[in-house]
Structure formats: C-alpha cells, structure tokens
C-alpha cells in the first residue's frame, strides 16, 4: 500500500484548478487508508490521514468540490466522519461497499468488519451529515450463501436505504480462496436473488 506525499497531491490539484477545474476526486483503493507525508519548511514531517488531506485541499480557493472513492468500512474513522460535517467543499456523498449483510459471508470474504460495525458507521455519518448520499456494492451468491444469508442482506438494504449501488452475481477468479470452494449457489437461485436485490435497490434509488 502506497500513499502519495501530501504536497504532490496538493500541487496537482492547484495545477488543475489553474486550468479551470472546479471539482476533484481523490482516488485510491482503499482511499480512506491514506497515510501520506507532509513535509514542512523546517524539515519536520507529519503523517496525514484522508481527513487531513481533504482539509488541506479545501484551502485552495477556486476549488469548489471534493470527492473521494473508494472507501473501506474497516478504514472509516471519526476524523473523516467529522470532516463531512465541517468541510463545506467535501460533497455529501460516500461510496461505502459492504458486499453482504451476512456476518458469516463477510467473514468468508475476509472483509474485516461486521454488519453491526457498518450500521454504526452509517448512523454516525448521518448524524454528522444528515443529507449524505450513501452508495454501496453487493455480491450475490458468494459460495456458501444460504437463503438466510441473502435475507440478511436484503434486511440490511431495507434498513439503511441507499441512494444507489452496484450489484453483481458472484463469479470465481482464478487463484482466490473462494474459487476453490465446492458450495457454489445454483445459477437459477443466484439469478433470482440478484433480481430481488436489484429491484429493492432500484426503488430506493428512485425514492432518493
């Protein structure tokens, strides 16, 4: 994992703004794990997190809007949540993929968080920024996903309510642990689950 130095990012933003750019997106995977170095004139250094970086970039006068993508729930912190409240240039938008509403499936995916942790983050974000638009990613039919696991995902979606989402059927990738499993979900069941999930998410998007 590599984070670009703070000044390199800021310098690039200033260059773009000088050319008329109004909005920038800080891009990384995972972007909220950012830990770039800022070097001061006296030679001292400080490690910046994403909240620090957003705050610094917001000081560039002609810049109007800041976004960042893609975040990981395990890397969301209190400082970044607070930045959404106090930084007027940071857009009220967050793409925060959860993938599944089943803790069993999340553990099998090695996602490093639970659905309870995810819900806690969402509650803090909405308290800090009530009009924030939340989007997410979902994978349907991960090996070993039962009917109950899928229902837990639907329940989570109905509880949180998203402004938009990306959703996919599980497909094996060579070399990944999941591709070596033998408990794949039947294709017909998988198609039906994806349809039900997307119908709910599309309605939520319309409501938003």
Protein backbone atom coordinates (compact mmCIF):
# COMPACT_ATOMS: atom_id res chain seq x y z
CA UNK A 1 0.00 0.00 0.00
CA UNK A 2 1.47 3.34 -1.08
CA UNK A 3 0.25 6.90 -0.35
CA UNK A 4 1.45 9.87 -2.40
CA UNK A 5 3.04 12.75 -0.42
CA UNK A 6 0.59 15.47 0.58
CA UNK A 7 2.33 18.21 -1.39
CA UNK A 8 2.36 16.16 -4.61
CA UNK A 9 -1.40 15.74 -4.37
CA UNK A 10 -1.98 19.40 -3.47
CA UNK A 11 0.34 20.58 -6.26
CA UNK A 12 -1.57 18.53 -8.82
CA UNK A 13 -4.88 19.93 -7.57
CA UNK A 14 -3.58 23.51 -7.76
CA UNK A 15 -2.38 22.88 -11.33
CA UNK A 16 -5.79 21.55 -12.34
CA UNK A 17 -7.62 24.44 -10.67
CA UNK A 18 -5.40 26.92 -12.53
CA UNK A 19 -6.69 25.30 -15.74
CA UNK A 20 -10.32 25.83 -14.70
CA UNK A 21 -11.13 22.58 -12.91
CA UNK A 22 -13.86 23.06 -10.26
CA UNK A 23 -14.13 19.56 -8.80
CA UNK A 24 -11.56 16.88 -7.97
CA UNK A 25 -11.87 13.28 -6.86
CA UNK A 26 -9.26 11.74 -4.57
CA UNK A 27 -8.92 8.20 -5.86
CA UNK A 28 -7.49 5.21 -4.08
CA UNK A 29 -8.08 1.63 -3.08
CA UNK A 30 -8.71 1.93 -0.24
CA UNK A 31 -8.70 5.75 -0.29
CA UNK A 32 -9.61 6.19 3.38
CA UNK A 33 -6.48 4.25 4.38
CA UNK A 34 -4.45 7.22 3.06
CA UNK A 35 -1.36 8.00 5.15
CA UNK A 36 0.69 10.49 3.16
CA UNK A 37 3.62 12.50 4.46
CA UNK A 38 3.54 16.30 4.70
CA UNK A 39 6.96 17.97 4.95
CA UNK A 40 7.10 21.46 6.45
CA UNK A 41 9.62 24.20 5.62
CA UNK A 42 11.62 23.46 8.77
CA UNK A 43 12.03 19.87 7.64
CA UNK A 44 9.57 18.42 10.13
CA UNK A 45 7.16 15.79 8.85
CA UNK A 46 3.62 14.79 9.73
CA UNK A 47 1.60 11.80 8.59
CA UNK A 48 -1.72 12.95 7.10
CA UNK A 49 -4.87 10.85 7.01
CA UNK A 50 -7.62 11.41 4.42
CA UNK A 51 -9.46 13.92 6.61
CA UNK A 52 -6.26 16.00 6.89
CA UNK A 53 -5.77 15.84 3.13
CA UNK A 54 -9.35 16.93 2.39
CA UNK A 55 -8.94 19.83 4.81
CA UNK A 56 -5.69 20.96 3.16
CA UNK A 57 -7.05 20.68 -0.38
CA UNK A 58 -10.17 22.64 0.59
CA UNK A 59 -7.95 25.67 1.25
CA UNK A 60 -7.32 26.01 -2.50
CA UNK A 61 -9.60 28.98 -3.14
CA UNK A 62 -11.01 28.36 -6.62
CA UNK A 63 -11.70 24.69 -5.97
CA UNK A 64 -15.44 24.18 -5.45
CA UNK A 65 -15.98 20.48 -4.76
CA UNK A 66 -14.07 17.49 -3.34
CA UNK A 67 -14.99 13.83 -3.55
CA UNK A 68 -13.14 10.60 -2.71
CA UNK A 69 -13.57 6.98 -3.73
CA UNK A 70 -13.44 4.04 -2.91
CA UNK A 71 -13.69 3.63 0.86
CA UNK A 72 -13.47 0.53 3.01
CA UNK A 73 -15.64 0.29 6.17
CA UNK A 74 -12.69 -1.01 8.19
CA UNK A 75 -10.81 2.25 7.46
CA UNK A 76 -13.57 4.76 8.29
CA UNK A 77 -12.55 6.87 11.31
CA UNK A 78 -14.05 9.61 13.47
CA UNK A 79 -11.90 12.33 11.87
CA UNK A 80 -13.20 11.56 8.39
CA UNK A 81 -16.80 11.43 9.58
CA UNK A 82 -16.30 14.83 11.26
CA UNK A 83 -14.71 16.21 8.07
CA UNK A 84 -18.01 15.59 6.28
CA UNK A 85 -19.65 17.86 8.83
CA UNK A 86 -17.19 20.77 8.80
CA UNK A 87 -15.71 20.79 5.26
CA UNK A 88 -18.11 22.72 3.04
CA UNK A 89 -16.30 21.66 -0.14
CA UNK A 90 -16.49 17.95 0.68
CA UNK A 91 -19.56 16.67 -1.14
CA UNK A 92 -22.34 14.97 0.88
CA UNK A 93 -21.66 11.66 -0.86
CA UNK A 94 -19.92 8.44 0.16
CA UNK A 95 -19.47 5.15 -1.67
CA UNK A 96 -19.02 2.58 1.10
CA UNK A 97 -19.16 -1.01 -0.17
CA UNK A 98 -20.46 -3.62 2.25
CA UNK A 99 -20.85 -6.59 -0.21
CA UNK A 100 -23.15 -8.64 2.07
CA UNK A 101 -25.42 -8.26 5.09
CA UNK A 102 -24.42 -11.64 6.49
CA UNK A 103 -21.59 -11.70 9.03
CA UNK A 104 -20.80 -15.27 8.02
CA UNK A 105 -20.31 -14.27 4.39
CA UNK A 106 -18.36 -11.11 5.34
CA UNK A 107 -16.00 -13.27 7.40
CA UNK A 108 -15.58 -15.72 4.50
CA UNK A 109 -14.84 -12.74 2.22
CA UNK A 110 -12.15 -11.61 4.69
CA UNK A 111 -13.77 -8.16 4.86
CA UNK A 112 -12.54 -7.39 8.43
CA UNK A 113 -15.83 -5.88 9.69
CA UNK A 114 -19.36 -6.93 10.67
CA UNK A 115 -22.73 -5.61 9.55
CA UNK A 116 -23.13 -4.10 13.04
CA UNK A 117 -19.91 -2.13 12.54
CA UNK A 118 -21.14 -0.95 9.14
CA UNK A 119 -24.51 0.19 10.55
CA UNK A 120 -22.69 2.07 13.35
CA UNK A 121 -20.63 3.97 10.76
CA UNK A 122 -23.74 4.86 8.75
CA UNK A 123 -25.52 6.18 11.86
CA UNK A 124 -22.54 8.39 12.73
CA UNK A 125 -22.29 9.68 9.17
CA UNK A 126 -25.98 10.57 9.00
CA UNK A 127 -25.80 12.28 12.38
CA UNK A 128 -22.79 14.28 11.20
CA UNK A 129 -24.19 14.97 7.70
CA UNK A 130 -27.95 14.28 7.52
CA UNK A 131 -28.20 14.82 3.74
CA UNK A 132 -25.33 12.48 2.83
CA UNK A 133 -25.97 10.18 -0.15
CA UNK A 134 -24.72 6.64 0.51
CA UNK A 135 -23.98 4.12 -2.23
CA UNK A 136 -22.59 0.61 -1.93
CA UNK A 137 -21.55 -2.63 -3.66
CA UNK A 138 -23.17 -6.05 -3.27
CA UNK A 139 -22.12 -9.52 -4.35
CA UNK A 140 -24.92 -12.09 -4.54
CA UNK A 141 -24.31 -15.81 -4.37
CA UNK A 142 -20.89 -15.95 -2.74
CA UNK A 143 -20.02 -19.64 -2.18
CA UNK A 144 -21.92 -20.98 0.82
CA UNK A 145 -24.53 -18.20 0.79
CA UNK A 146 -27.79 -19.62 2.18
CA UNK A 147 -31.31 -18.28 1.83
CA UNK A 148 -30.96 -16.80 5.33
CA UNK A 149 -27.66 -15.10 4.42
CA UNK A 150 -29.33 -13.49 1.42
CA UNK A 151 -32.33 -12.40 3.51
CA UNK A 152 -29.93 -10.72 5.95
CA UNK A 153 -28.51 -8.73 3.03
CA UNK A 154 -31.99 -7.65 1.93
CA UNK A 155 -32.87 -6.71 5.52
CA UNK A 156 -29.74 -4.55 5.75
CA UNK A 157 -30.56 -2.80 2.48
CA UNK A 158 -34.12 -2.06 3.61
CA UNK A 159 -32.85 -0.77 6.95
CA UNK A 160 -30.13 1.57 5.62
CA UNK A 161 -31.67 2.71 2.32
CA UNK A 162 -29.15 3.62 -0.36
CA UNK A 163 -29.06 6.39 -2.95
CA UNK A 164 -27.57 3.96 -5.47
CA UNK A 165 -25.50 0.81 -5.74
CA UNK A 166 -23.55 -1.63 -7.86
CA UNK A 167 -24.62 -5.26 -7.57
CA UNK A 168 -23.21 -8.38 -9.18
CA UNK A 169 -23.50 -12.14 -9.27
CA UNK A 170 -20.53 -13.94 -7.75
CA UNK A 171 -18.07 -15.20 -10.34
CA UNK A 172 -14.90 -17.14 -9.48
CA UNK A 173 -11.48 -15.57 -10.02
CA UNK A 174 -8.56 -17.96 -10.55
CA UNK A 175 -6.27 -18.22 -7.55
CA UNK A 176 -8.72 -16.81 -4.99
CA UNK A 177 -9.74 -18.96 -1.98
CA UNK A 178 -13.43 -18.71 -2.93
CA UNK A 179 -12.75 -20.19 -6.39
CA UNK A 180 -11.57 -23.40 -4.70
CA UNK A 181 -14.81 -23.94 -2.78
CA UNK A 182 -17.36 -26.55 -3.86
CA UNK A 183 -20.51 -24.98 -2.40
CA UNK A 184 -21.45 -22.67 -5.27
CA UNK A 185 -25.00 -21.32 -5.41
CA UNK A 186 -27.23 -22.75 -8.15
CA UNK A 187 -27.34 -20.37 -11.12
CA UNK A 188 -31.14 -20.14 -11.17
CA UNK A 189 -31.24 -19.28 -7.45
CA UNK A 190 -28.43 -16.79 -7.98
CA UNK A 191 -30.31 -15.04 -10.81
CA UNK A 192 -33.47 -14.81 -8.69
CA UNK A 193 -31.61 -13.38 -5.69
CA UNK A 194 -29.92 -10.75 -7.83
CA UNK A 195 -33.28 -9.75 -9.33
CA UNK A 196 -34.89 -9.35 -5.89
CA UNK A 197 -31.92 -7.36 -4.59
CA UNK A 198 -31.75 -5.07 -7.61
CA UNK A 199 -35.49 -4.42 -7.56
CA UNK A 200 -35.23 -3.18 -3.98
CA UNK A 201 -32.14 -1.05 -4.70
CA UNK A 202 -33.66 0.47 -7.82
CA UNK A 203 -36.74 1.52 -5.86
CA UNK A 204 -34.54 3.08 -3.19
CA UNK A 205 -32.64 4.98 -5.86
CA UNK A 206 -35.94 6.32 -7.24
CA UNK A 207 -37.05 7.32 -3.74
CA UNK A 208 -33.80 9.18 -3.19
